[in-house]
N, C-alpha and C. Protein backbone atom coordinates (compact mmCIF):
# COMPACT_ATOMS: atom_id res chain seq x y z
N MET A 1 21.47 123.04 -96.09
CA MET A 1 19.90 122.48 -96.37
C MET A 1 19.57 120.69 -96.36
N SER A 2 19.35 120.93 -95.43
CA SER A 2 18.88 119.14 -95.42
C SER A 2 17.98 117.80 -96.45
N THR A 3 18.56 116.99 -96.34
CA THR A 3 17.69 116.00 -97.49
C THR A 3 17.44 114.85 -96.38
N GLN A 4 16.47 114.30 -97.20
CA GLN A 4 15.47 112.92 -96.79
C GLN A 4 16.64 112.65 -96.09
N HIS A 5 17.83 111.70 -97.07
CA HIS A 5 18.93 111.22 -96.56
C HIS A 5 19.78 111.68 -95.17
N ASP A 6 19.82 112.79 -94.72
CA ASP A 6 20.65 113.78 -93.83
C ASP A 6 19.32 113.55 -92.01
N PHE A 7 18.25 112.96 -92.72
CA PHE A 7 17.36 112.52 -91.46
C PHE A 7 18.09 111.20 -90.64
N GLY A 8 18.14 110.18 -91.98
CA GLY A 8 18.96 109.02 -91.34
C GLY A 8 20.27 109.78 -90.60
N GLU A 9 21.53 110.10 -90.79
CA GLU A 9 22.77 110.43 -90.21
C GLU A 9 22.07 111.56 -88.84
N PHE A 10 21.06 111.97 -88.98
CA PHE A 10 20.58 112.44 -87.53
C PHE A 10 20.23 111.69 -86.47
N LEU A 11 19.64 111.19 -86.91
CA LEU A 11 18.96 109.67 -85.85
C LEU A 11 20.75 108.77 -85.51
N THR A 12 21.21 108.78 -86.42
CA THR A 12 22.07 108.21 -85.90
C THR A 12 22.91 108.60 -85.00
N LYS A 13 23.65 109.80 -85.60
CA LYS A 13 24.13 111.01 -84.47
C LYS A 13 23.12 111.33 -83.00
N LYS A 14 21.85 110.94 -82.68
CA LYS A 14 21.27 110.59 -81.75
C LYS A 14 21.63 109.31 -81.16
N GLY A 15 21.93 108.51 -81.39
CA GLY A 15 22.05 107.41 -81.34
C GLY A 15 21.03 106.26 -81.37
N LEU A 16 20.24 106.73 -82.70
CA LEU A 16 19.48 105.63 -82.46
C LEU A 16 19.52 104.86 -83.88
N PHE A 17 18.96 103.88 -83.85
CA PHE A 17 19.14 103.05 -84.38
C PHE A 17 17.79 102.37 -85.56
N TYR A 18 17.85 102.65 -87.12
CA TYR A 18 16.89 102.30 -87.08
C TYR A 18 16.55 101.82 -88.97
N GLU A 19 15.67 101.56 -89.32
CA GLU A 19 15.26 100.39 -90.54
C GLU A 19 14.07 101.47 -91.29
N ILE A 20 14.94 101.81 -92.77
CA ILE A 20 13.99 102.03 -93.72
C ILE A 20 12.85 101.44 -94.25
N VAL A 21 12.08 102.22 -94.42
CA VAL A 21 10.33 101.30 -94.79
C VAL A 21 10.10 102.28 -96.08
N PRO A 22 10.57 101.91 -97.10
CA PRO A 22 9.96 102.94 -98.55
C PRO A 22 8.11 102.77 -98.34
N GLU A 23 7.76 104.36 -98.94
CA GLU A 23 6.41 104.27 -98.27
C GLU A 23 6.08 105.17 -99.64
N GLY A 24 5.82 105.33 -101.22
CA GLY A 24 5.36 105.89 -101.80
C GLY A 24 6.04 107.48 -102.33
N ASP A 25 5.69 108.24 -101.23
CA ASP A 25 6.57 109.57 -101.69
C ASP A 25 7.33 109.70 -100.90
N LYS A 26 7.56 108.42 -99.51
CA LYS A 26 8.43 109.01 -98.37
C LYS A 26 9.05 107.98 -98.06
N THR A 27 9.44 108.30 -96.38
CA THR A 27 10.70 107.17 -96.32
C THR A 27 10.84 107.01 -94.83
N ILE A 28 9.72 106.00 -94.06
CA ILE A 28 9.58 105.93 -92.46
C ILE A 28 10.68 105.16 -92.11
N TYR A 29 11.53 106.85 -91.65
CA TYR A 29 12.68 105.73 -90.62
C TYR A 29 12.02 105.44 -89.26
N LYS A 30 12.25 104.23 -88.97
CA LYS A 30 11.12 102.91 -88.21
C LYS A 30 12.42 102.82 -87.03
N VAL A 31 12.21 103.08 -85.93
CA VAL A 31 12.94 103.23 -84.43
C VAL A 31 12.46 102.18 -83.31
N SER A 32 12.80 101.09 -83.78
CA SER A 32 12.39 100.41 -82.48
C SER A 32 12.44 100.87 -81.02
N SER A 33 13.37 101.60 -79.97
CA SER A 33 13.46 101.27 -79.01
C SER A 33 14.18 102.84 -79.21
N TYR A 34 12.64 103.85 -78.69
CA TYR A 34 12.86 105.65 -78.72
C TYR A 34 12.33 105.25 -77.30
N GLU A 35 13.33 106.08 -76.92
CA GLU A 35 12.82 106.48 -75.40
C GLU A 35 11.73 107.88 -75.24
N ILE A 36 10.77 108.31 -74.63
CA ILE A 36 10.28 108.73 -74.72
C ILE A 36 10.74 110.03 -73.94
N PRO A 37 11.60 111.49 -74.14
CA PRO A 37 12.24 112.10 -73.37
C PRO A 37 11.15 112.92 -71.99
N ASN A 38 10.03 113.55 -72.68
CA ASN A 38 9.64 114.52 -72.06
C ASN A 38 8.05 114.02 -71.75
N GLY A 39 7.21 114.58 -69.96
CA GLY A 39 6.28 114.22 -69.79
C GLY A 39 5.76 113.34 -68.85
N GLY A 40 4.34 113.18 -69.67
CA GLY A 40 3.75 111.33 -68.14
C GLY A 40 4.57 110.16 -68.44
N TYR A 41 5.07 110.24 -69.95
CA TYR A 41 5.54 108.64 -69.90
C TYR A 41 7.20 108.99 -70.25
N ALA A 42 7.90 110.25 -69.77
CA ALA A 42 9.22 110.60 -69.55
C ALA A 42 9.58 108.90 -69.81
N GLY A 43 10.27 108.35 -69.77
CA GLY A 43 11.59 107.53 -69.66
C GLY A 43 10.86 105.74 -70.45
N LYS A 44 10.05 106.11 -71.00
CA LYS A 44 9.33 104.98 -71.20
C LYS A 44 9.66 104.56 -72.78
N THR A 45 9.58 103.57 -72.80
CA THR A 45 10.50 103.12 -74.23
C THR A 45 8.68 103.13 -75.37
N ILE A 46 8.94 103.25 -76.60
CA ILE A 46 7.85 102.76 -77.58
C ILE A 46 8.96 102.26 -79.16
N SER A 47 7.83 102.21 -79.70
CA SER A 47 8.89 101.94 -81.42
C SER A 47 7.84 103.54 -81.87
N ILE A 48 8.48 104.23 -83.17
CA ILE A 48 8.24 105.48 -83.46
C ILE A 48 8.46 105.20 -84.70
N GLY A 49 7.92 105.51 -86.10
CA GLY A 49 8.30 105.76 -87.23
C GLY A 49 8.29 107.58 -87.83
N PHE A 50 8.72 108.11 -88.50
CA PHE A 50 9.04 109.26 -88.65
C PHE A 50 9.09 109.00 -90.43
N PRO A 51 7.61 109.54 -90.88
CA PRO A 51 7.56 109.65 -92.22
C PRO A 51 8.33 110.70 -92.71
N ILE A 52 9.34 110.22 -93.29
CA ILE A 52 10.35 111.85 -93.86
C ILE A 52 10.10 111.80 -95.27
N PRO A 53 9.23 113.10 -96.08
CA PRO A 53 9.09 113.48 -97.47
C PRO A 53 10.28 113.25 -98.48
N LYS A 54 10.32 112.90 -99.36
CA LYS A 54 11.71 112.51 -100.76
C LYS A 54 11.88 114.00 -100.59
N ASP A 55 10.34 114.81 -101.08
CA ASP A 55 11.68 116.07 -101.35
C ASP A 55 11.63 116.92 -99.65
N PHE A 56 12.26 116.52 -99.13
CA PHE A 56 12.38 117.07 -97.27
C PHE A 56 13.76 117.90 -97.58
N PRO A 57 13.70 119.16 -97.10
CA PRO A 57 13.31 119.88 -96.02
C PRO A 57 11.89 120.95 -96.66
N THR A 58 11.76 120.51 -98.02
CA THR A 58 11.28 121.93 -98.89
C THR A 58 9.89 121.25 -98.61
N VAL A 59 8.92 120.07 -98.13
CA VAL A 59 7.83 119.38 -97.90
C VAL A 59 7.82 119.04 -97.00
N ALA A 60 7.11 119.54 -95.67
CA ALA A 60 7.23 119.50 -94.59
C ALA A 60 6.41 117.63 -94.30
N PRO A 61 7.43 117.17 -93.17
CA PRO A 61 7.07 115.83 -92.65
C PRO A 61 5.57 115.85 -92.03
N TYR A 62 4.76 114.71 -92.00
CA TYR A 62 3.60 114.83 -91.45
C TYR A 62 2.68 113.37 -90.86
N GLY A 63 2.59 114.12 -89.57
CA GLY A 63 2.52 113.14 -88.71
C GLY A 63 3.75 111.98 -88.40
N ILE A 64 3.34 110.75 -86.95
CA ILE A 64 4.57 109.93 -87.18
C ILE A 64 3.31 108.36 -86.81
N HIS A 65 4.49 107.18 -87.10
CA HIS A 65 3.95 105.82 -86.82
C HIS A 65 4.23 105.67 -85.34
N VAL A 66 3.22 104.97 -84.64
CA VAL A 66 3.30 104.71 -83.02
C VAL A 66 2.77 103.27 -82.85
N LYS A 67 4.01 102.34 -82.03
CA LYS A 67 3.99 101.32 -81.59
C LYS A 67 4.18 101.46 -80.27
N SER A 68 3.22 101.25 -79.35
CA SER A 68 3.21 101.01 -77.95
C SER A 68 3.12 100.53 -76.85
N ASP A 69 2.68 99.28 -77.58
CA ASP A 69 3.31 98.10 -76.99
C ASP A 69 2.61 97.68 -75.17
N GLY A 70 1.24 99.04 -75.40
CA GLY A 70 1.11 99.35 -73.96
C GLY A 70 1.90 100.41 -73.22
N VAL A 71 2.44 100.98 -73.22
CA VAL A 71 3.29 101.70 -72.47
C VAL A 71 2.10 103.22 -72.76
N ILE A 72 1.32 103.36 -73.67
CA ILE A 72 1.19 104.88 -73.84
C ILE A 72 -1.12 104.10 -73.73
N THR A 73 -0.96 104.17 -72.46
CA THR A 73 -2.14 103.87 -72.11
C THR A 73 -3.83 104.54 -72.21
N GLU A 74 -3.72 105.82 -72.19
CA GLU A 74 -4.59 106.54 -72.38
C GLU A 74 -4.48 106.30 -74.05
N ASP A 75 -6.30 107.14 -74.45
CA ASP A 75 -6.20 107.55 -75.84
C ASP A 75 -6.15 108.85 -76.06
N VAL A 76 -4.87 109.17 -76.22
CA VAL A 76 -4.70 110.05 -77.04
C VAL A 76 -5.56 111.02 -77.95
N GLN A 77 -5.42 111.82 -78.68
CA GLN A 77 -6.10 113.23 -79.45
C GLN A 77 -6.15 112.07 -80.52
N ALA A 78 -7.84 112.85 -81.24
CA ALA A 78 -8.14 112.23 -82.64
C ALA A 78 -7.02 111.91 -83.10
N GLY A 79 -6.74 111.52 -84.29
CA GLY A 79 -6.14 111.15 -85.53
C GLY A 79 -5.38 110.15 -85.62
N LYS A 80 -5.96 109.00 -84.93
CA LYS A 80 -4.92 108.16 -84.70
C LYS A 80 -5.42 107.12 -85.54
N ASN A 81 -4.91 106.33 -86.57
CA ASN A 81 -5.32 105.94 -87.60
C ASN A 81 -4.97 104.04 -88.13
N ALA A 82 -5.45 103.35 -89.21
CA ALA A 82 -4.55 102.44 -89.36
C ALA A 82 -2.46 102.93 -90.19
N SER A 83 -1.82 102.03 -89.33
CA SER A 83 -0.29 102.69 -90.36
C SER A 83 -0.11 101.52 -90.93
N ILE A 84 0.50 101.61 -92.19
CA ILE A 84 1.16 100.71 -93.33
C ILE A 84 2.40 99.55 -92.82
N LEU A 85 2.61 100.38 -91.00
CA LEU A 85 3.72 99.36 -90.54
C LEU A 85 2.83 98.05 -90.21
N GLY A 86 1.43 98.22 -89.98
CA GLY A 86 0.98 96.80 -89.02
C GLY A 86 0.40 97.18 -88.67
N THR A 87 -0.98 96.05 -87.67
CA THR A 87 -1.70 96.56 -87.11
C THR A 87 -1.22 96.50 -85.00
N GLU A 88 -0.24 96.34 -85.28
CA GLU A 88 0.24 96.86 -84.42
C GLU A 88 0.21 98.30 -83.67
N TRP A 89 0.51 99.04 -84.84
CA TRP A 89 1.11 100.41 -85.13
C TRP A 89 -0.14 101.02 -85.26
N LYS A 90 -0.66 102.51 -84.90
CA LYS A 90 -0.79 103.78 -84.92
C LYS A 90 -0.46 104.67 -86.15
N PHE A 91 -0.79 105.25 -87.21
CA PHE A 91 -0.33 106.56 -87.48
C PHE A 91 -1.36 107.38 -87.03
N TRP A 92 -0.44 108.69 -86.48
CA TRP A 92 -0.95 109.51 -85.54
C TRP A 92 -1.06 110.94 -86.99
N SER A 93 -1.71 111.23 -87.20
CA SER A 93 -1.83 112.27 -87.96
C SER A 93 -2.34 113.55 -87.51
N ARG A 94 -1.02 114.66 -87.85
CA ARG A 94 -0.64 115.68 -87.22
C ARG A 94 0.61 116.37 -88.18
N THR A 95 0.28 118.27 -87.69
CA THR A 95 1.19 118.75 -88.95
C THR A 95 2.09 119.45 -88.08
N VAL A 96 3.61 120.53 -88.61
CA VAL A 96 4.34 119.98 -88.22
C VAL A 96 4.16 122.53 -87.98
N ASN A 97 4.05 122.11 -86.88
CA ASN A 97 3.89 123.62 -88.10
C ASN A 97 4.75 124.81 -87.82
N ASN A 98 4.45 125.62 -88.43
CA ASN A 98 5.72 126.70 -88.36
C ASN A 98 6.51 126.27 -89.75
N TRP A 99 6.79 125.25 -90.81
CA TRP A 99 7.44 125.02 -91.48
C TRP A 99 7.35 126.00 -92.29
N ASN A 100 7.02 126.50 -92.96
CA ASN A 100 7.48 127.46 -93.97
C ASN A 100 8.02 128.85 -93.23
N ASP A 101 9.05 128.59 -92.10
CA ASP A 101 9.75 129.65 -91.46
C ASP A 101 11.71 128.95 -91.95
N PRO A 102 12.13 129.19 -92.82
CA PRO A 102 13.16 128.88 -93.55
C PRO A 102 14.25 128.10 -92.44
N GLU A 103 14.33 128.93 -91.29
CA GLU A 103 15.04 128.49 -90.11
C GLU A 103 14.16 127.67 -89.52
N LYS A 104 13.24 127.13 -89.05
CA LYS A 104 12.36 125.70 -89.03
C LYS A 104 12.62 124.68 -89.87
N ARG A 105 13.14 124.75 -91.13
CA ARG A 105 12.94 123.72 -91.95
C ARG A 105 14.24 122.42 -91.75
N ASN A 106 14.20 121.54 -90.29
CA ASN A 106 15.17 121.27 -90.66
C ASN A 106 15.07 120.11 -89.72
N CYS A 107 16.04 119.16 -89.08
CA CYS A 107 15.52 117.54 -88.78
C CYS A 107 15.81 117.89 -87.23
N GLN A 108 16.19 118.82 -86.80
CA GLN A 108 15.88 119.01 -85.22
C GLN A 108 14.77 119.81 -84.88
N TYR A 109 14.11 120.75 -85.14
CA TYR A 109 12.79 120.78 -85.52
C TYR A 109 11.70 120.21 -85.55
N TYR A 110 11.51 119.37 -86.63
CA TYR A 110 11.14 118.12 -86.22
C TYR A 110 11.04 116.98 -85.38
N PHE A 111 11.94 116.64 -85.10
CA PHE A 111 12.34 116.02 -83.92
C PHE A 111 11.76 116.45 -82.59
N ASP A 112 11.91 117.56 -82.18
CA ASP A 112 11.78 118.07 -80.89
C ASP A 112 9.58 118.53 -81.42
N HIS A 113 9.84 119.02 -82.71
CA HIS A 113 8.11 118.73 -82.52
C HIS A 113 7.21 117.41 -81.95
N VAL A 114 8.11 116.48 -83.04
CA VAL A 114 7.39 114.85 -82.28
C VAL A 114 7.75 114.84 -81.26
N ASN A 115 8.47 115.22 -80.26
CA ASN A 115 8.46 114.97 -78.98
C ASN A 115 7.53 116.06 -77.92
N ARG A 116 7.04 116.60 -78.61
CA ARG A 116 6.18 117.85 -78.14
C ARG A 116 4.52 116.72 -77.85
N TRP A 117 4.83 115.81 -78.89
CA TRP A 117 3.38 115.00 -78.96
C TRP A 117 3.55 114.55 -78.53
N LEU A 118 4.47 113.53 -78.26
CA LEU A 118 4.52 111.99 -77.13
C LEU A 118 4.77 112.89 -75.37
N GLU A 119 4.42 114.35 -75.36
CA GLU A 119 4.44 114.56 -73.74
C GLU A 119 2.78 114.71 -73.34
N LEU A 120 1.83 114.23 -74.16
CA LEU A 120 0.66 113.80 -74.29
C LEU A 120 -0.05 114.23 -73.52
N ARG A 121 -0.51 115.61 -73.47
CA ARG A 121 -0.85 117.01 -72.68
C ARG A 121 -2.14 116.56 -72.48
């Protein structure tokens, strides 16, 4: 089973460099150069923060922090709030569907889910 620490190793295997930002009962893995893989903004680079709870994967990750520097120009779905990462950042309040399925409680499933959020339908 994965752990919070495993998420950092997962990002490293994906070739992503990150900074760790502690936040209460979770750790935010902040990636300064994240290329959106799919959708209308595919190929564009943003900064993203993945908030991973201390008891991951038992507890599902919730939402993401996004700093788009004007890359994402449309007003995406509701649920964008202030972020603890700074005024240029927004916290996207999102839940990860189907987390109670043991086969989906892992780094890859969360990562894929976030990428679907970034498709901005």
